């Protein structure tokens, strides 16, 4: 993850974690709701800032998120698509095997020339 995105996710997590302190003005119910919803979400943002990784190997790609890890062998990849959802760009790797889940990740990564070279060999399926 790029440094800018990591900072953004940590700040967003801290803001969400502080919501109960802001919600106390609106009463006990608002404080309880903020604690039960915003605090876990804030914790997830902070965990994601440090746990989220896309790991490239010569023969595979692994996407490690907060609570899951997904791996796809290079020989299992039919192609890739780039999509934009709500202003964010995502890469989707489409597997050759029917029924296997596509591997998807946002383009918030710190990349280098090796990263670009790894993906250039995968055919683009964008129309």
C-alpha atoms as a PDB file:
ATOM      1  CA  UNK A   1       0.000   0.000   0.000  1.00  0.00           C
ATOM      2  CA  UNK A   2       1.298   3.456  -0.800  1.00  0.00           C
ATOM      3  CA  UNK A   3       2.310   5.692   2.104  1.00  0.00           C
ATOM      4  CA  UNK A   4      -0.404   8.218   1.224  1.00  0.00           C
ATOM      5  CA  UNK A   5      -3.135   5.582   1.377  1.00  0.00           C
ATOM      6  CA  UNK A   6      -1.718   4.091   4.566  1.00  0.00           C
ATOM      7  CA  UNK A   7      -1.823   7.508   6.257  1.00  0.00           C
ATOM      8  CA  UNK A   8      -5.368   8.104   4.991  1.00  0.00           C
ATOM      9  CA  UNK A   9      -6.577   4.721   6.300  1.00  0.00           C
ATOM     10  CA  UNK A  10      -4.953   5.228   9.716  1.00  0.00           C
ATOM     11  CA  UNK A  11      -6.439   8.732  10.051  1.00  0.00           C
ATOM     12  CA  UNK A  12      -9.868   7.469   8.971  1.00  0.00           C
ATOM     13  CA  UNK A  13      -9.577   4.635  11.500  1.00  0.00           C
ATOM     14  CA  UNK A  14      -8.624   7.010  14.291  1.00  0.00           C
ATOM     15  CA  UNK A  15     -11.514   9.326  13.413  1.00  0.00           C
ATOM     16  CA  UNK A  16     -13.980   6.425  13.466  1.00  0.00           C
ATOM     17  CA  UNK A  17     -12.496   5.202  16.741  1.00  0.00           C
ATOM     18  CA  UNK A  18     -13.085   8.632  18.252  1.00  0.00           C
ATOM     19  CA  UNK A  19     -16.744   8.736  17.235  1.00  0.00           C
ATOM     20  CA  UNK A  20     -18.039   7.723  20.704  1.00  0.00           C
ATOM     21  CA  UNK A  21     -16.267  10.777  22.145  1.00  0.00           C
ATOM     22  CA  UNK A  22     -18.111  12.973  19.661  1.00  0.00           C
ATOM     23  CA  UNK A  23     -21.435  11.144  20.024  1.00  0.00           C
ATOM     24  CA  UNK A  24     -21.758  11.603  23.797  1.00  0.00           C
ATOM     25  CA  UNK A  25     -23.284  15.045  23.131  1.00  0.00           C
ATOM     26  CA  UNK A  26     -26.313  13.350  21.566  1.00  0.00           C
ATOM     27  CA  UNK A  27     -26.895  10.998  24.471  1.00  0.00           C
ATOM     28  CA  UNK A  28     -26.321   7.466  25.636  1.00  0.00           C
ATOM     29  CA  UNK A  29     -27.984   5.739  22.674  1.00  0.00           C
ATOM     30  CA  UNK A  30     -25.858   7.652  20.157  1.00  0.00           C
ATOM     31  CA  UNK A  31     -22.717   6.839  22.143  1.00  0.00           C
ATOM     32  CA  UNK A  32     -23.565   3.127  22.265  1.00  0.00           C
ATOM     33  CA  UNK A  33     -24.358   3.019  18.538  1.00  0.00           C
ATOM     34  CA  UNK A  34     -21.121   4.840  17.685  1.00  0.00           C
ATOM     35  CA  UNK A  35     -19.165   2.457  19.901  1.00  0.00           C
ATOM     36  CA  UNK A  36     -20.731  -0.666  18.374  1.00  0.00           C
ATOM     37  CA  UNK A  37     -20.364   0.464  14.759  1.00  0.00           C
ATOM     38  CA  UNK A  38     -17.649   3.078  14.307  1.00  0.00           C
ATOM     39  CA  UNK A  39     -15.007   1.659  16.651  1.00  0.00           C
ATOM     40  CA  UNK A  40     -14.820  -1.808  14.991  1.00  0.00           C
ATOM     41  CA  UNK A  41     -14.838  -0.163  11.566  1.00  0.00           C
ATOM     42  CA  UNK A  42     -12.033   2.159  12.618  1.00  0.00           C
ATOM     43  CA  UNK A  43     -10.038  -0.790  13.912  1.00  0.00           C
ATOM     44  CA  UNK A  44     -10.495  -2.565  10.588  1.00  0.00           C
ATOM     45  CA  UNK A  45      -9.204   0.508   8.716  1.00  0.00           C
ATOM     46  CA  UNK A  46      -6.085   0.633  10.895  1.00  0.00           C
ATOM     47  CA  UNK A  47      -5.476  -3.123  10.558  1.00  0.00           C
ATOM     48  CA  UNK A  48      -5.902  -2.881   6.787  1.00  0.00           C
ATOM     49  CA  UNK A  49      -3.337  -0.085   6.593  1.00  0.00           C
ATOM     50  CA  UNK A  50      -0.672  -2.449   7.904  1.00  0.00           C
ATOM     51  CA  UNK A  51      -1.899  -5.892   6.824  1.00  0.00           C
ATOM     52  CA  UNK A  52      -3.045  -5.271   3.225  1.00  0.00           C
ATOM     53  CA  UNK A  53      -0.513  -6.628   0.719  1.00  0.00           C
ATOM     54  CA  UNK A  54      -0.315  -7.839  -2.847  1.00  0.00           C
ATOM     55  CA  UNK A  55       2.519 -10.331  -3.082  1.00  0.00           C
ATOM     56  CA  UNK A  56       3.884 -11.207  -6.511  1.00  0.00           C
ATOM     57  CA  UNK A  57       5.820 -14.405  -7.058  1.00  0.00           C
ATOM     58  CA  UNK A  58       7.142 -15.650 -10.407  1.00  0.00           C
ATOM     59  CA  UNK A  59       4.291 -18.172 -10.660  1.00  0.00           C
ATOM     60  CA  UNK A  60       1.503 -16.686  -8.479  1.00  0.00           C
ATOM     61  CA  UNK A  61      -0.132 -13.637  -6.924  1.00  0.00           C
ATOM     62  CA  UNK A  62      -1.416 -13.429  -3.361  1.00  0.00           C
ATOM     63  CA  UNK A  63      -3.716 -10.724  -2.011  1.00  0.00           C
ATOM     64  CA  UNK A  64      -3.648 -10.530   1.769  1.00  0.00           C
ATOM     65  CA  UNK A  65      -6.402  -8.496   3.407  1.00  0.00           C
ATOM     66  CA  UNK A  66      -7.426  -8.022   7.041  1.00  0.00           C
ATOM     67  CA  UNK A  67      -9.402 -11.247   7.447  1.00  0.00           C
ATOM     68  CA  UNK A  68      -8.657 -13.180   4.250  1.00  0.00           C
ATOM     69  CA  UNK A  69      -5.925 -14.266   1.875  1.00  0.00           C
ATOM     70  CA  UNK A  70      -6.500 -15.211  -1.747  1.00  0.00           C
ATOM     71  CA  UNK A  71      -3.925 -16.769  -4.087  1.00  0.00           C
ATOM     72  CA  UNK A  72      -4.057 -17.391  -7.808  1.00  0.00           C
ATOM     73  CA  UNK A  73      -1.436 -19.219  -9.845  1.00  0.00           C
ATOM     74  CA  UNK A  74      -0.288 -17.474 -12.985  1.00  0.00           C
ATOM     75  CA  UNK A  75      -1.301 -20.489 -15.081  1.00  0.00           C
ATOM     76  CA  UNK A  76      -4.845 -20.150 -13.671  1.00  0.00           C
ATOM     77  CA  UNK A  77      -5.244 -16.548 -14.908  1.00  0.00           C
ATOM     78  CA  UNK A  78      -7.171 -16.096 -18.173  1.00  0.00           C
ATOM     79  CA  UNK A  79      -6.761 -12.319 -18.225  1.00  0.00           C
ATOM     80  CA  UNK A  80      -7.246  -9.063 -16.380  1.00  0.00           C
ATOM     81  CA  UNK A  81      -9.727  -6.217 -16.314  1.00  0.00           C
ATOM     82  CA  UNK A  82      -9.482  -2.701 -14.964  1.00  0.00           C
ATOM     83  CA  UNK A  83     -12.698  -1.217 -13.600  1.00  0.00           C
ATOM     84  CA  UNK A  84     -13.655   2.042 -11.902  1.00  0.00           C
ATOM     85  CA  UNK A  85     -16.122   1.941  -9.034  1.00  0.00           C
ATOM     86  CA  UNK A  86     -17.073   5.132  -7.195  1.00  0.00           C
ATOM     87  CA  UNK A  87     -13.913   6.909  -8.326  1.00  0.00           C
ATOM     88  CA  UNK A  88     -11.556   4.073  -7.362  1.00  0.00           C
ATOM     89  CA  UNK A  89      -9.749   1.836  -9.845  1.00  0.00           C
ATOM     90  CA  UNK A  90      -9.592  -1.929  -9.265  1.00  0.00           C
ATOM     91  CA  UNK A  91      -7.682  -4.687 -11.026  1.00  0.00           C
ATOM     92  CA  UNK A  92      -9.565  -7.948 -11.480  1.00  0.00           C
ATOM     93  CA  UNK A  93      -7.776 -11.140 -12.445  1.00  0.00           C
ATOM     94  CA  UNK A  94     -10.153 -13.549 -14.180  1.00  0.00           C
ATOM     95  CA  UNK A  95      -9.409 -17.257 -13.601  1.00  0.00           C
ATOM     96  CA  UNK A  96      -9.470 -19.848 -16.402  1.00  0.00           C
ATOM     97  CA  UNK A  97     -11.360 -22.300 -14.202  1.00  0.00           C
ATOM     98  CA  UNK A  98     -15.130 -21.779 -14.273  1.00  0.00           C
ATOM     99  CA  UNK A  99     -16.552 -21.257 -10.800  1.00  0.00           C
ATOM    100  CA  UNK A 100     -13.272 -20.061  -9.281  1.00  0.00           C
ATOM    101  CA  UNK A 101     -13.536 -16.615  -7.692  1.00  0.00           C
ATOM    102  CA  UNK A 102     -11.789 -13.729  -9.503  1.00  0.00           C
ATOM    103  CA  UNK A 103      -8.973 -12.070  -7.594  1.00  0.00           C
ATOM    104  CA  UNK A 104      -9.515  -8.345  -7.159  1.00  0.00           C
ATOM    105  CA  UNK A 105      -7.568  -5.522  -5.557  1.00  0.00           C
ATOM    106  CA  UNK A 106      -7.653  -1.708  -5.584  1.00  0.00           C
ATOM    107  CA  UNK A 107      -4.912   0.296  -7.250  1.00  0.00           C
ATOM    108  CA  UNK A 108      -3.675   1.881  -4.034  1.00  0.00           C
ATOM    109  CA  UNK A 109      -0.388   0.071  -4.105  1.00  0.00           C
ATOM    110  CA  UNK A 110       3.137   1.335  -4.184  1.00  0.00           C
ATOM    111  CA  UNK A 111       4.341  -0.224  -7.453  1.00  0.00           C
ATOM    112  CA  UNK A 112       7.616  -0.569  -9.305  1.00  0.00           C
ATOM    113  CA  UNK A 113       8.814  -1.719 -12.730  1.00  0.00           C
ATOM    114  CA  UNK A 114       8.793  -5.388 -11.652  1.00  0.00           C
ATOM    115  CA  UNK A 115       5.115  -5.055 -10.727  1.00  0.00           C
ATOM    116  CA  UNK A 116       4.322  -3.584 -14.156  1.00  0.00           C
ATOM    117  CA  UNK A 117       6.342  -6.276 -15.932  1.00  0.00           C
ATOM    118  CA  UNK A 118       4.502  -9.044 -14.055  1.00  0.00           C
ATOM    119  CA  UNK A 119       1.122  -7.687 -15.204  1.00  0.00           C
ATOM    120  CA  UNK A 120       2.127  -6.867 -18.811  1.00  0.00           C
ATOM    121  CA  UNK A 121       2.310 -10.582 -19.605  1.00  0.00           C
ATOM    122  CA  UNK A 122      -1.343 -11.091 -18.591  1.00  0.00           C
ATOM    123  CA  UNK A 123      -3.784 -10.382 -21.438  1.00  0.00           C
ATOM    124  CA  UNK A 124      -6.165  -7.431 -21.021  1.00  0.00           C
ATOM    125  CA  UNK A 125      -9.810  -8.398 -21.295  1.00  0.00           C
ATOM    126  CA  UNK A 126     -11.099  -4.801 -21.245  1.00  0.00           C
ATOM    127  CA  UNK A 127     -13.388  -3.987 -24.128  1.00  0.00           C
END
